[in-house]
Amino acid sequence: MSEFMLDTNAFSNALDSGVAPGTLSGRGRLFINVQRNELQATRCSDRLEKLLAVFAAVDPQEVPMATAVWNVSEWDGAEIGDADGPYAAMLKSLNIRNKGKSKNVKDALITVTALNR
């Protein structure tokens, strides 16, 4: 069985395009971590409720992030280490490409965790 870790925007895109949530998980098992926290930052309560319904419908399995980042990672949801490993390289690359957007930290965490899993 294939395994995937989706970027948070996949849940928004599924909701906005009317894609059935099962389509996201129809090809394999989904892993998540920081995505739930990103979705919960949605300010519009109606949209938040709909996003969380999509999230729940795909039945993702929560896994620890591949590395811990201060003020981002949950202590029981991240592995310690990788100070000079793939996370640092991925974050540096993203910062160069899009001028240091704040979402780069979480995007790098998702990417490195997906690669490690």
Protein backbone atom coordinates (compact mmCIF):
# COMPACT_ATOMS: atom_id res chain seq x y z
CA MET A 1 0.00 0.00 0.00
CA SER A 2 1.28 3.47 -0.88
CA GLU A 3 1.79 6.06 1.82
CA PHE A 4 1.42 9.83 1.46
CA MET A 5 1.79 13.00 3.48
CA LEU A 6 -0.26 15.83 2.00
CA ASP A 7 0.45 19.50 2.27
CA THR A 8 -2.26 21.31 4.20
CA ASN A 9 -3.55 23.05 1.10
CA ALA A 10 -4.70 19.65 -0.27
CA PHE A 11 -7.55 19.72 2.26
CA SER A 12 -8.53 23.26 1.25
CA ASN A 13 -8.33 22.38 -2.43
CA ALA A 14 -10.51 19.30 -1.92
CA LEU A 15 -13.12 21.38 -0.10
CA ASP A 16 -13.07 24.24 -2.62
CA SER A 17 -13.21 22.00 -5.69
CA GLY A 18 -15.86 19.65 -4.31
CA VAL A 19 -13.56 16.63 -4.46
CA ALA A 20 -14.81 13.79 -2.27
CA PRO A 21 -12.48 13.38 0.74
CA GLY A 22 -12.09 9.68 -0.07
CA THR A 23 -10.28 10.70 -3.24
CA LEU A 24 -7.40 12.01 -1.10
CA SER A 25 -6.93 8.69 0.64
CA GLY A 26 -8.14 6.39 -2.12
CA ARG A 27 -4.64 5.52 -3.28
CA GLY A 28 -3.05 4.73 0.04
CA ARG A 29 -2.56 5.60 3.67
CA LEU A 30 -2.22 9.25 4.66
CA PHE A 31 0.10 10.55 7.37
CA ILE A 32 -0.29 13.91 9.06
CA ASN A 33 1.11 16.02 11.87
CA VAL A 34 1.35 19.80 11.60
CA GLN A 35 -1.52 19.90 9.09
CA ARG A 36 -4.22 19.68 11.77
CA ASN A 37 -2.74 22.70 13.57
CA GLU A 38 -2.58 24.66 10.33
CA LEU A 39 -6.22 23.90 9.58
CA GLN A 40 -7.26 24.89 13.11
CA ALA A 41 -5.78 28.34 12.49
CA THR A 42 -8.65 29.01 10.04
CA ARG A 43 -10.49 32.05 11.34
CA CYS A 44 -13.88 31.53 9.68
CA SER A 45 -15.71 29.04 11.91
CA ASP A 46 -17.92 27.73 9.08
CA ARG A 47 -14.90 27.06 6.85
CA LEU A 48 -12.98 25.54 9.77
CA GLU A 49 -15.82 23.10 10.44
CA LYS A 50 -15.88 22.05 6.77
CA LEU A 51 -12.09 21.67 6.58
CA LEU A 52 -12.01 19.54 9.71
CA ALA A 53 -14.76 17.36 8.24
CA VAL A 54 -12.63 16.76 5.12
CA PHE A 55 -9.65 16.06 7.36
CA ALA A 56 -11.57 13.54 9.48
CA ALA A 57 -13.09 11.85 6.43
CA VAL A 58 -9.67 10.86 5.04
CA ASP A 59 -8.83 9.15 8.34
CA PRO A 60 -5.16 10.17 8.45
CA GLN A 61 -2.63 8.50 10.73
CA GLU A 62 -0.70 10.93 12.92
CA VAL A 63 3.08 10.46 12.93
CA PRO A 64 5.87 12.42 14.62
CA MET A 65 7.58 15.06 12.51
CA ALA A 66 11.08 14.10 11.42
CA THR A 67 12.59 16.91 13.47
CA ALA A 68 11.52 19.37 16.15
CA VAL A 69 11.32 23.12 15.58
CA TRP A 70 10.95 25.53 18.48
CA ASN A 71 7.49 27.20 18.67
CA VAL A 72 6.19 24.99 15.84
CA SER A 73 6.50 21.35 16.85
CA GLU A 74 4.47 19.75 19.58
CA TRP A 75 6.80 18.08 22.07
CA ASP A 76 5.07 14.74 21.82
CA GLY A 77 4.74 15.04 18.05
CA ALA A 78 8.32 15.43 16.84
CA GLU A 79 11.63 13.64 16.86
CA ILE A 80 14.71 15.38 18.21
CA GLY A 81 17.64 15.84 15.88
CA ASP A 82 18.38 16.72 12.26
CA ALA A 83 20.04 20.05 13.11
CA ASP A 84 22.25 19.90 10.04
CA GLY A 85 20.29 17.30 8.08
CA PRO A 86 17.65 17.45 5.35
CA TYR A 87 15.33 19.82 7.24
CA ALA A 88 17.91 22.62 7.35
CA ALA A 89 18.72 22.16 3.66
CA MET A 90 15.03 22.11 2.69
CA LEU A 91 14.25 25.22 4.73
CA LYS A 92 17.22 27.07 3.23
CA SER A 93 16.10 26.12 -0.28
CA LEU A 94 12.52 27.25 0.33
CA ASN A 95 13.70 30.53 1.87
CA ILE A 96 15.82 31.26 -1.20
CA ARG A 97 12.98 30.39 -3.60
CA ASN A 98 10.22 32.42 -1.99
CA LYS A 99 11.97 35.04 0.10
CA GLY A 100 11.53 33.47 3.52
CA LYS A 101 7.76 33.10 3.80
CA SER A 102 6.69 32.12 7.31
CA LYS A 103 5.01 28.94 6.05
CA ASN A 104 8.38 27.60 4.89
CA VAL A 105 9.13 26.11 8.31
CA LYS A 106 5.99 23.96 8.26
CA ASP A 107 6.35 23.12 4.57
CA ALA A 108 9.93 21.92 5.20
CA LEU A 109 8.74 19.85 8.17
CA ILE A 110 6.03 18.20 6.06
CA THR A 111 8.44 17.51 3.19
CA VAL A 112 11.23 16.06 5.30
CA THR A 113 8.82 13.95 7.32
CA ALA A 114 7.25 12.59 4.13
CA LEU A 115 10.69 11.72 2.76
CA ASN A 116 11.68 9.98 6.01
CA ARG A 117 8.48 7.95 6.23
